[in-house]
Every structure is written in structure tokens, then in C-alpha cells.
Amino acid sequence: MIYPIVIFGSEVLRKPSVEIGEDYPELKKLIEDMFLTMAAAEGVGLAAPQIGKNIRLFVVDCSALGEEDPLCKDFRKVFINPEIYEVSENTILWNEGCLSLPGLHEDVRRPEVIRIRYRDEHFVEHDEEYDGFRARAIQHEYDHLEGKVFTDRLAPLRRQLLKSKLLGMAKGKYRAAYKTK
């Protein structure tokens, strides 16, 4: 099933998400559906709040970028109950977009390297370090679980300049080539 993507302005995008257990109802199907939804919207990541579920789950698939970044070649992962517990002091500025903010792209500064603990789709625990685009995608999706969107990371003046566009989006003034709600 392909879910509609929740658009900026929805309360679900601002709530911190709750942890889930192995017994979460139909978890395997939900994960499959999240990958389908992400692919249909041509995204590289999708967090559960973006489909209206405030649970600590996101998926990332940046394998399409494998030619540009060899580390992304086979990078398709599920992150359950993640915790980013260490970030580098070095940061990098990179242009980001978001399926929940269609048509909006801004340069966002984020830590270059992260360490994250999480469980995969089999509830096996992992503790890994990521850098480059993989770290960027993970941090972007992780923010959704914390009730944040990438515009929250912009300078106050830049956020102010985007205010009317964001308000319009919240009122339904946007275009997306995928199902939304």
C-alpha cells in the first residue's frame, strides 16, 4: 500500500515519536509499505510521522545515488528506535528537500559524521558510524522522529523569509507529484 505523505502544517510532524516493540502490529508490512511509498514519491528516506504514525521508525534507500557516492550503492536500511548519540564538530552545508515540504529546498548545516544505535527490521541491535550523504539522510529522517523538519535548522532570518511559503503550504498551497494529505 502506498500511503499519502503528510504535508507541513500537520500536527503529527511536530510531535516526538514513541518507541515500538517487536510486537508492533503488522510491522513487516508497514516497513514494506514505507519503502513503496518512498519510492513512489522518489524520495531517499521516509519517517513514520510522514505517513501519520508517531513511532520511532524510518527507512532510507540511497542506492540510486551509488554512482555519485559509492557508499550509497547498496544502502537500503530500516531504523527502529534509533538514537543518534554522537556527532562530529565538523559540519557540512548541503541542499535538502523533504517529501513533507514539496518544492522547498534549502541549504542546511549538519554534522558531517554521526554515531547511531538502532534496531533493524529483525530487531537486531546495531551501533554504527556514518558520514557523507548517508549521515545526512539519517539525520534528516531522525529529525522527523523528534518532531522537527529541516527548516527548523535554518538561520532565523532565512526561516522568516520562508514563513509565507510555509504558511501557504500548511493551507494546501503546494504541488506534489505523489499522494498527500
N, C-alpha and C. Protein backbone atom coordinates (compact mmCIF):
# COMPACT_ATOMS: atom_id res chain seq x y z
N MET A 1 0.85 -1.18 0.00
CA MET A 1 0.00 0.00 0.00
C MET A 1 0.89 1.24 0.00
N ILE A 2 0.54 2.17 -0.83
CA ILE A 2 1.26 3.45 -0.87
C ILE A 2 0.46 4.45 -0.04
N TYR A 3 1.12 4.96 0.99
CA TYR A 3 0.49 5.93 1.89
C TYR A 3 0.57 7.34 1.31
N PRO A 4 -0.40 8.19 1.63
CA PRO A 4 -0.24 9.60 1.30
C PRO A 4 0.78 10.22 2.27
N ILE A 5 1.55 11.17 1.76
CA ILE A 5 2.57 11.85 2.57
C ILE A 5 1.92 13.02 3.30
N VAL A 6 2.19 13.10 4.60
CA VAL A 6 1.69 14.20 5.43
C VAL A 6 2.48 15.46 5.09
N ILE A 7 1.79 16.55 4.88
CA ILE A 7 2.41 17.82 4.48
C ILE A 7 2.59 18.75 5.67
N PHE A 8 3.63 19.59 5.58
CA PHE A 8 3.93 20.58 6.59
C PHE A 8 2.66 21.31 7.04
N GLY A 9 2.55 21.50 8.33
CA GLY A 9 1.36 22.13 8.91
C GLY A 9 0.56 21.12 9.72
N SER A 10 0.77 19.84 9.44
CA SER A 10 0.10 18.79 10.18
C SER A 10 0.75 18.63 11.55
N GLU A 11 -0.08 18.47 12.56
CA GLU A 11 0.40 18.33 13.94
C GLU A 11 1.30 17.10 14.12
N VAL A 12 1.05 16.05 13.36
CA VAL A 12 1.82 14.81 13.52
C VAL A 12 3.31 15.03 13.25
N LEU A 13 3.65 15.99 12.42
CA LEU A 13 5.06 16.27 12.11
C LEU A 13 5.77 17.01 13.24
N ARG A 14 5.03 17.50 14.22
CA ARG A 14 5.62 18.27 15.32
C ARG A 14 5.65 17.51 16.64
N LYS A 15 5.12 16.30 16.66
CA LYS A 15 5.10 15.50 17.89
C LYS A 15 6.32 14.58 17.94
N PRO A 16 7.00 14.52 19.08
CA PRO A 16 8.05 13.50 19.21
C PRO A 16 7.42 12.11 19.14
N SER A 17 8.12 11.19 18.50
CA SER A 17 7.60 9.84 18.29
C SER A 17 7.94 8.92 19.45
N VAL A 18 7.17 7.84 19.57
CA VAL A 18 7.35 6.88 20.67
C VAL A 18 8.02 5.61 20.15
N GLU A 19 8.77 4.97 21.04
CA GLU A 19 9.44 3.71 20.70
C GLU A 19 8.40 2.61 20.48
N ILE A 20 8.80 1.63 19.69
CA ILE A 20 7.94 0.48 19.44
C ILE A 20 8.68 -0.81 19.81
N GLY A 21 7.91 -1.87 19.98
CA GLY A 21 8.49 -3.18 20.27
C GLY A 21 8.33 -4.10 19.08
N GLU A 22 8.92 -5.28 19.21
CA GLU A 22 8.84 -6.30 18.15
C GLU A 22 7.40 -6.69 17.85
N ASP A 23 6.52 -6.48 18.82
CA ASP A 23 5.13 -6.88 18.67
C ASP A 23 4.26 -5.80 18.02
N TYR A 24 4.88 -4.73 17.49
CA TYR A 24 4.09 -3.69 16.84
C TYR A 24 3.27 -4.34 15.72
N PRO A 25 1.97 -4.05 15.66
CA PRO A 25 1.09 -4.72 14.69
C PRO A 25 1.54 -4.54 13.23
N GLU A 26 1.67 -5.64 12.54
CA GLU A 26 1.99 -5.68 11.11
C GLU A 26 3.22 -4.84 10.76
N LEU A 27 4.26 -4.93 11.58
CA LEU A 27 5.47 -4.13 11.38
C LEU A 27 6.14 -4.43 10.04
N LYS A 28 6.23 -5.70 9.67
CA LYS A 28 6.88 -6.06 8.41
C LYS A 28 6.15 -5.42 7.22
N LYS A 29 4.84 -5.47 7.23
CA LYS A 29 4.04 -4.87 6.15
C LYS A 29 4.22 -3.35 6.14
N LEU A 30 4.22 -2.75 7.32
CA LEU A 30 4.41 -1.29 7.40
C LEU A 30 5.75 -0.89 6.78
N ILE A 31 6.80 -1.62 7.09
CA ILE A 31 8.12 -1.32 6.55
C ILE A 31 8.12 -1.46 5.02
N GLU A 32 7.54 -2.53 4.52
CA GLU A 32 7.43 -2.72 3.06
C GLU A 32 6.67 -1.56 2.43
N ASP A 33 5.56 -1.18 3.06
CA ASP A 33 4.74 -0.08 2.54
C ASP A 33 5.49 1.25 2.59
N MET A 34 6.32 1.44 3.61
CA MET A 34 7.09 2.68 3.68
C MET A 34 8.11 2.75 2.55
N PHE A 35 8.77 1.64 2.24
CA PHE A 35 9.70 1.62 1.10
C PHE A 35 8.94 1.88 -0.21
N LEU A 36 7.76 1.28 -0.37
CA LEU A 36 6.95 1.52 -1.57
C LEU A 36 6.54 2.98 -1.68
N THR A 37 6.09 3.54 -0.56
CA THR A 37 5.65 4.94 -0.54
C THR A 37 6.80 5.87 -0.89
N MET A 38 7.97 5.62 -0.28
CA MET A 38 9.15 6.44 -0.54
C MET A 38 9.55 6.38 -2.01
N ALA A 39 9.55 5.18 -2.58
CA ALA A 39 9.92 5.01 -3.98
C ALA A 39 8.92 5.70 -4.91
N ALA A 40 7.63 5.58 -4.60
CA ALA A 40 6.60 6.21 -5.43
C ALA A 40 6.74 7.73 -5.44
N ALA A 41 7.23 8.28 -4.32
CA ALA A 41 7.41 9.74 -4.21
C ALA A 41 8.82 10.16 -4.63
N GLU A 42 9.63 9.19 -5.06
CA GLU A 42 11.01 9.43 -5.49
C GLU A 42 11.85 10.07 -4.39
N GLY A 43 11.69 9.56 -3.16
CA GLY A 43 12.48 10.03 -2.04
C GLY A 43 13.61 9.08 -1.74
N VAL A 44 14.51 9.51 -0.84
CA VAL A 44 15.60 8.64 -0.40
C VAL A 44 15.43 8.25 1.06
N GLY A 45 14.44 8.83 1.71
CA GLY A 45 14.15 8.50 3.10
C GLY A 45 12.71 8.81 3.42
N LEU A 46 12.17 8.11 4.42
CA LEU A 46 10.80 8.34 4.85
C LEU A 46 10.68 7.94 6.31
N ALA A 47 10.17 8.85 7.11
CA ALA A 47 9.95 8.59 8.53
C ALA A 47 8.46 8.34 8.77
N ALA A 48 8.18 7.49 9.76
CA ALA A 48 6.79 7.14 10.06
C ALA A 48 5.87 8.35 10.28
N PRO A 49 6.32 9.44 10.95
CA PRO A 49 5.43 10.59 11.08
C PRO A 49 4.98 11.16 9.73
N GLN A 50 5.76 10.96 8.70
CA GLN A 50 5.40 11.48 7.38
C GLN A 50 4.24 10.71 6.75
N ILE A 51 3.87 9.58 7.35
CA ILE A 51 2.68 8.86 6.89
C ILE A 51 1.64 8.82 8.01
N GLY A 52 1.81 9.72 8.98
CA GLY A 52 0.81 9.88 10.04
C GLY A 52 0.98 8.99 11.25
N LYS A 53 2.14 8.35 11.40
CA LYS A 53 2.36 7.45 12.53
C LYS A 53 3.50 7.97 13.40
N ASN A 54 3.20 8.34 14.63
CA ASN A 54 4.22 8.88 15.53
C ASN A 54 4.97 7.76 16.26
N ILE A 55 5.67 6.96 15.48
CA ILE A 55 6.51 5.88 16.04
C ILE A 55 7.94 6.09 15.56
N ARG A 56 8.89 5.57 16.34
CA ARG A 56 10.31 5.78 16.04
C ARG A 56 10.79 4.76 15.00
N LEU A 57 10.47 5.06 13.76
CA LEU A 57 10.80 4.20 12.63
C LEU A 57 11.03 5.07 11.40
N PHE A 58 12.14 4.80 10.70
CA PHE A 58 12.31 5.41 9.38
C PHE A 58 13.09 4.46 8.48
N VAL A 59 12.96 4.70 7.18
CA VAL A 59 13.66 3.91 6.18
C VAL A 59 14.49 4.84 5.31
N VAL A 60 15.60 4.33 4.82
CA VAL A 60 16.48 5.09 3.93
C VAL A 60 16.91 4.17 2.80
N ASP A 61 16.86 4.68 1.58
CA ASP A 61 17.38 3.95 0.43
C ASP A 61 18.04 4.96 -0.50
N CYS A 62 19.35 5.06 -0.40
CA CYS A 62 20.07 6.00 -1.27
C CYS A 62 20.86 5.25 -2.34
N SER A 63 20.46 4.00 -2.63
CA SER A 63 21.18 3.19 -3.61
C SER A 63 21.17 3.81 -5.01
N ALA A 64 20.15 4.60 -5.32
CA ALA A 64 20.09 5.26 -6.64
C ALA A 64 21.22 6.26 -6.83
N LEU A 65 21.84 6.68 -5.73
CA LEU A 65 22.93 7.65 -5.79
C LEU A 65 24.29 6.95 -5.80
N GLY A 66 24.30 5.65 -6.01
CA GLY A 66 25.52 4.85 -5.95
C GLY A 66 26.62 5.26 -6.90
N GLU A 67 26.27 5.82 -8.05
CA GLU A 67 27.31 6.27 -8.99
C GLU A 67 28.01 7.51 -8.47
N GLU A 68 27.26 8.41 -7.85
CA GLU A 68 27.83 9.64 -7.29
C GLU A 68 28.59 9.35 -6.00
N ASP A 69 28.05 8.46 -5.18
CA ASP A 69 28.63 8.13 -3.88
C ASP A 69 28.64 6.61 -3.73
N PRO A 70 29.78 5.97 -3.95
CA PRO A 70 29.85 4.51 -3.88
C PRO A 70 29.36 3.92 -2.55
N LEU A 71 29.44 4.67 -1.45
CA LEU A 71 28.96 4.17 -0.16
C LEU A 71 27.44 4.03 -0.14
N CYS A 72 26.77 4.69 -1.06
CA CYS A 72 25.30 4.61 -1.14
C CYS A 72 24.83 3.45 -2.01
N LYS A 73 25.74 2.84 -2.74
CA LYS A 73 25.38 1.84 -3.76
C LYS A 73 24.33 0.82 -3.29
N ASP A 74 24.54 0.19 -2.16
CA ASP A 74 23.60 -0.81 -1.67
C ASP A 74 23.02 -0.42 -0.31
N PHE A 75 22.91 0.88 -0.09
CA PHE A 75 22.47 1.36 1.22
C PHE A 75 20.95 1.47 1.26
N ARG A 76 20.32 0.44 1.81
CA ARG A 76 18.86 0.38 1.97
C ARG A 76 18.62 -0.19 3.35
N LYS A 77 18.18 0.67 4.29
CA LYS A 77 18.11 0.25 5.70
C LYS A 77 16.83 0.70 6.38
N VAL A 78 16.52 -0.05 7.43
CA VAL A 78 15.41 0.24 8.32
C VAL A 78 16.01 0.64 9.67
N PHE A 79 15.50 1.71 10.25
CA PHE A 79 15.97 2.19 11.55
C PHE A 79 14.78 2.22 12.51
N ILE A 80 14.82 1.37 13.53
CA ILE A 80 13.76 1.30 14.53
C ILE A 80 14.34 1.76 15.87
N ASN A 81 13.62 2.63 16.55
CA ASN A 81 14.03 3.18 17.85
C ASN A 81 15.47 3.71 17.83
N PRO A 82 15.80 4.52 16.81
CA PRO A 82 17.18 5.00 16.70
C PRO A 82 17.52 6.05 17.75
N GLU A 83 18.82 6.14 18.02
CA GLU A 83 19.34 7.19 18.90
C GLU A 83 20.68 7.65 18.33
N ILE A 84 20.72 8.88 17.84
CA ILE A 84 21.99 9.47 17.44
C ILE A 84 22.62 9.97 18.73
N TYR A 85 23.76 9.38 19.11
CA TYR A 85 24.33 9.71 20.41
C TYR A 85 25.69 10.41 20.31
N GLU A 86 26.20 10.55 19.11
CA GLU A 86 27.47 11.26 18.95
C GLU A 86 27.49 11.90 17.57
N VAL A 87 27.94 13.15 17.52
CA VAL A 87 28.06 13.86 16.25
C VAL A 87 29.42 14.56 16.21
N SER A 88 29.94 14.73 15.01
CA SER A 88 31.23 15.40 14.85
C SER A 88 31.07 16.90 15.03
N GLU A 89 32.16 17.55 15.40
CA GLU A 89 32.16 19.01 15.46
C GLU A 89 32.16 19.60 14.06
N ASN A 90 32.80 18.89 13.13
CA ASN A 90 32.82 19.34 11.74
C ASN A 90 31.41 19.25 11.17
N THR A 91 31.03 20.29 10.48
CA THR A 91 29.71 20.31 9.85
C THR A 91 29.87 20.51 8.35
N ILE A 92 28.80 20.25 7.65
CA ILE A 92 28.80 20.42 6.20
C ILE A 92 27.47 21.01 5.77
N LEU A 93 27.52 21.92 4.81
CA LEU A 93 26.32 22.57 4.27
C LEU A 93 25.90 21.81 3.03
N TRP A 94 24.61 21.43 2.98
CA TRP A 94 24.13 20.62 1.88
C TRP A 94 22.68 21.01 1.60
N ASN A 95 22.31 21.01 0.33
CA ASN A 95 20.95 21.37 -0.05
C ASN A 95 20.02 20.20 0.23
N GLU A 96 18.94 20.48 0.97
CA GLU A 96 17.98 19.44 1.33
C GLU A 96 16.58 19.79 0.85
N GLY A 97 15.81 18.75 0.62
CA GLY A 97 14.39 18.86 0.36
C GLY A 97 13.69 17.85 1.24
N CYS A 98 12.38 17.83 1.20
CA CYS A 98 11.62 16.92 2.05
C CYS A 98 10.29 16.61 1.39
N LEU A 99 9.89 15.34 1.43
CA LEU A 99 8.60 14.97 0.85
C LEU A 99 7.45 15.67 1.54
N SER A 100 7.62 16.05 2.81
CA SER A 100 6.56 16.75 3.55
C SER A 100 6.57 18.26 3.32
N LEU A 101 7.56 18.75 2.59
CA LEU A 101 7.64 20.16 2.22
C LEU A 101 7.89 20.24 0.72
N PRO A 102 6.92 19.81 -0.09
CA PRO A 102 7.14 19.70 -1.54
C PRO A 102 7.55 21.03 -2.19
N GLY A 103 8.58 20.94 -3.03
CA GLY A 103 9.03 22.09 -3.78
C GLY A 103 9.99 23.00 -3.02
N LEU A 104 10.24 22.72 -1.78
CA LEU A 104 11.11 23.58 -0.98
C LEU A 104 12.48 22.92 -0.81
N HIS A 105 13.53 23.64 -1.15
CA HIS A 105 14.90 23.16 -1.00
C HIS A 105 15.74 24.28 -0.40
N GLU A 106 16.53 23.95 0.61
CA GLU A 106 17.36 24.94 1.29
C GLU A 106 18.68 24.30 1.70
N ASP A 107 19.70 25.12 1.83
CA ASP A 107 20.98 24.65 2.34
C ASP A 107 20.90 24.53 3.85
N VAL A 108 21.25 23.34 4.34
CA VAL A 108 21.16 23.03 5.77
C VAL A 108 22.54 22.57 6.26
N ARG A 109 22.96 23.11 7.40
CA ARG A 109 24.23 22.71 8.00
C ARG A 109 23.97 21.61 9.03
N ARG A 110 24.70 20.50 8.88
CA ARG A 110 24.56 19.36 9.79
C ARG A 110 25.95 18.79 10.09
N PRO A 111 26.04 18.04 11.20
CA PRO A 111 27.31 17.35 11.49
C PRO A 111 27.69 16.43 10.34
N GLU A 112 28.99 16.37 10.07
CA GLU A 112 29.49 15.56 8.96
C GLU A 112 29.48 14.06 9.27
N VAL A 113 29.69 13.70 10.54
CA VAL A 113 29.76 12.30 10.96
C VAL A 113 28.84 12.10 12.16
N ILE A 114 28.16 10.96 12.18
CA ILE A 114 27.28 10.63 13.31
C ILE A 114 27.53 9.20 13.77
N ARG A 115 27.19 8.92 15.01
CA ARG A 115 27.11 7.55 15.54
C ARG A 115 25.66 7.34 15.97
N ILE A 116 25.12 6.19 15.59
CA ILE A 116 23.71 5.91 15.85
C ILE A 116 23.54 4.47 16.33
N ARG A 117 22.67 4.31 17.33
CA ARG A 117 22.22 2.99 17.78
C ARG A 117 20.79 2.83 17.27
N TYR A 118 20.48 1.63 16.80
CA TYR A 118 19.12 1.38 16.30
C TYR A 118 18.90 -0.12 16.20
N ARG A 119 17.68 -0.48 15.94
CA ARG A 119 17.34 -1.87 15.65
C ARG A 119 16.89 -1.94 14.20
N ASP A 120 17.23 -3.05 13.56
CA ASP A 120 16.80 -3.24 12.17
C ASP A 120 15.42 -3.91 12.14
N GLU A 121 14.97 -4.31 10.96
CA GLU A 121 13.63 -4.89 10.81
C GLU A 121 13.48 -6.22 11.54
N HIS A 122 14.60 -6.86 11.91
CA HIS A 122 14.56 -8.11 12.67
C HIS A 122 14.79 -7.87 14.16
N PHE A 123 14.83 -6.62 14.54
CA PHE A 123 15.07 -6.16 15.91
C PHE A 123 16.48 -6.51 16.41
N VAL A 124 17.39 -6.65 15.47
CA VAL A 124 18.81 -6.84 15.81
C VAL A 124 19.38 -5.45 16.08
N GLU A 125 20.11 -5.32 17.20
CA GLU A 125 20.67 -4.03 17.58
C GLU A 125 21.96 -3.75 16.81
N HIS A 126 22.11 -2.48 16.38
CA HIS A 126 23.30 -2.03 15.66
C HIS A 126 23.82 -0.76 16.31
N ASP A 127 25.12 -0.55 16.20
CA ASP A 127 25.78 0.68 16.65
C ASP A 127 26.78 1.01 15.55
N GLU A 128 26.49 2.06 14.77
CA GLU A 128 27.28 2.31 13.56
C GLU A 128 27.62 3.79 13.41
N GLU A 129 28.65 4.03 12.61
CA GLU A 129 29.07 5.39 12.29
C GLU A 129 28.83 5.64 10.81
N TYR A 130 28.33 6.82 10.50
CA TYR A 130 28.07 7.19 9.11
C TYR A 130 28.59 8.58 8.84
N ASP A 131 28.96 8.79 7.56
CA ASP A 131 29.36 10.12 7.12
C ASP A 131 28.77 10.36 5.74
N GLY A 132 29.06 11.51 5.17
CA GLY A 132 28.60 11.82 3.83
C GLY A 132 27.09 11.85 3.70
N PHE A 133 26.62 11.46 2.53
CA PHE A 133 25.18 11.54 2.25
C PHE A 133 24.37 10.63 3.17
N ARG A 134 24.92 9.48 3.51
CA ARG A 134 24.20 8.56 4.39
C ARG A 134 23.92 9.23 5.74
N ALA A 135 24.92 9.91 6.30
CA ALA A 135 24.72 10.62 7.57
C ALA A 135 23.68 11.71 7.42
N ARG A 136 23.72 12.40 6.31
CA ARG A 136 22.77 13.48 6.03
C ARG A 136 21.35 12.93 6.00
N ALA A 137 21.12 11.87 5.24
CA ALA A 137 19.78 11.29 5.11
C ALA A 137 19.28 10.77 6.45
N ILE A 138 20.15 10.12 7.21
CA ILE A 138 19.76 9.59 8.52
C ILE A 138 19.37 10.73 9.46
N GLN A 139 20.16 11.80 9.50
CA GLN A 139 19.86 12.93 10.37
C GLN A 139 18.54 13.60 9.99
N HIS A 140 18.30 13.71 8.70
CA HIS A 140 17.06 14.33 8.21
C HIS A 140 15.85 13.52 8.69
N GLU A 141 15.90 12.21 8.52
CA GLU A 141 14.77 11.37 8.93
C GLU A 141 14.66 11.31 10.45
N TYR A 142 15.78 11.27 11.13
CA TYR A 142 15.79 11.25 12.60
C TYR A 142 15.09 12.49 13.16
N ASP A 143 15.33 13.64 12.53
CA ASP A 143 14.66 14.87 12.96
C ASP A 143 13.15 14.71 12.97
N HIS A 144 12.60 14.00 11.97
CA HIS A 144 11.15 13.79 11.94
C HIS A 144 10.66 13.06 13.20
N LEU A 145 11.46 12.13 13.70
CA LEU A 145 11.07 11.40 14.90
C LEU A 145 11.09 12.29 16.14
N GLU A 146 11.85 13.37 16.06
CA GLU A 146 11.96 14.33 17.16
C GLU A 146 10.95 15.47 17.02
N GLY A 147 10.11 15.43 15.99
CA GLY A 147 9.12 16.48 15.77
C GLY A 147 9.68 17.71 15.08
N LYS A 148 10.75 17.51 14.30
CA LYS A 148 11.40 18.63 13.60
C LYS A 148 11.39 18.40 12.10
N VAL A 149 11.48 19.50 11.35
CA VAL A 149 11.67 19.45 9.91
C VAL A 149 12.92 20.26 9.57
N PHE A 150 13.44 20.09 8.37
CA PHE A 150 14.74 20.69 8.05
C PHE A 150 14.74 22.21 8.14
N THR A 151 13.60 22.85 7.94
CA THR A 151 13.57 24.32 8.04
C THR A 151 13.84 24.80 9.47
N ASP A 152 13.65 23.94 10.46
CA ASP A 152 13.96 24.30 11.84
C ASP A 152 15.45 24.53 12.03
N ARG A 153 16.26 24.00 11.13
CA ARG A 153 17.72 24.11 11.24
C ARG A 153 18.27 25.32 10.49
N LEU A 154 17.40 26.08 9.86
CA LEU A 154 17.84 27.26 9.12
C LEU A 154 18.04 28.44 10.07
N ALA A 155 18.81 29.41 9.61
CA ALA A 155 19.00 30.63 10.39
C ALA A 155 17.66 31.34 10.56
N PRO A 156 17.45 32.02 11.70
CA PRO A 156 16.16 32.69 11.95
C PRO A 156 15.72 33.62 10.82
N LEU A 157 16.64 34.35 10.24
CA LEU A 157 16.28 35.26 9.15
C LEU A 157 15.77 34.48 7.95
N ARG A 158 16.43 33.38 7.61
CA ARG A 158 16.00 32.57 6.47
C ARG A 158 14.63 31.96 6.73
N ARG A 159 14.40 31.50 7.95
CA ARG A 159 13.07 30.95 8.31
C ARG A 159 11.99 32.02 8.16
N GLN A 160 12.33 33.23 8.58
CA GLN A 160 11.37 34.34 8.47
C GLN A 160 11.03 34.60 7.01
N LEU A 161 12.04 34.55 6.15
CA LEU A 161 11.81 34.78 4.72
C LEU A 161 10.94 33.68 4.09
N LEU A 162 10.96 32.50 4.67
CA LEU A 162 10.17 31.37 4.15
C LEU A 162 8.78 31.27 4.79
N LYS A 163 8.53 32.10 5.79
CA LYS A 163 7.30 31.98 6.58
C LYS A 163 6.03 31.94 5.73
N SER A 164 5.89 32.87 4.80
CA SER A 164 4.66 32.91 4.00
C SER A 164 4.53 31.66 3.12
N LYS A 165 5.64 31.18 2.61
CA LYS A 165 5.61 29.96 1.79
C LYS A 165 5.18 28.76 2.64
N LEU A 166 5.72 28.68 3.86
CA LEU A 166 5.37 27.58 4.76
C LEU A 166 3.91 27.66 5.20
N LEU A 167 3.44 28.86 5.49
CA LEU A 167 2.02 29.04 5.85
C LEU A 167 1.11 28.63 4.70
N GLY A 168 1.50 29.01 3.49
CA GLY A 168 0.73 28.62 2.31
C GLY A 168 0.69 27.11 2.15
N MET A 169 1.83 26.48 2.37
CA MET A 169 1.90 25.01 2.27
C MET A 169 0.97 24.37 3.29
N ALA A 170 0.97 24.91 4.49
CA ALA A 170 0.12 24.38 5.56
C ALA A 170 -1.37 24.54 5.22
N LYS A 171 -1.67 25.52 4.38
CA LYS A 171 -3.06 25.76 3.96
C LYS A 171 -3.41 25.05 2.65
N GLY A 172 -2.49 24.22 2.16
CA GLY A 172 -2.79 23.45 0.96
C GLY A 172 -2.27 24.04 -0.33
N LYS A 173 -1.46 25.09 -0.25
CA LYS A 173 -0.92 25.72 -1.46
C LYS A 173 0.45 25.12 -1.79
N TYR A 174 0.44 24.01 -2.48
CA TYR A 174 1.66 23.34 -2.90
C TYR A 174 1.30 22.40 -4.03
N ARG A 175 2.33 21.92 -4.72
CA ARG A 175 2.14 20.91 -5.76
C ARG A 175 3.08 19.76 -5.48
N ALA A 176 2.57 18.57 -5.57
CA ALA A 176 3.38 17.37 -5.37
C ALA A 176 2.98 16.33 -6.41
N ALA A 177 3.95 15.57 -6.87
CA ALA A 177 3.69 14.53 -7.87
C ALA A 177 3.39 13.19 -7.21
N TYR A 178 2.99 13.21 -5.95
CA TYR A 178 2.68 12.00 -5.19
C TYR A 178 1.48 12.28 -4.31
N LYS A 179 0.90 11.20 -3.77
CA LYS A 179 -0.28 11.34 -2.91
C LYS A 179 0.10 12.06 -1.62
N THR A 180 -0.76 13.01 -1.21
CA THR A 180 -0.51 13.76 0.02
C THR A 180 -1.78 13.84 0.83
N LYS A 181 -1.60 14.24 2.11
CA LYS A 181 -2.77 14.53 2.94
C LYS A 181 -2.43 15.63 3.93
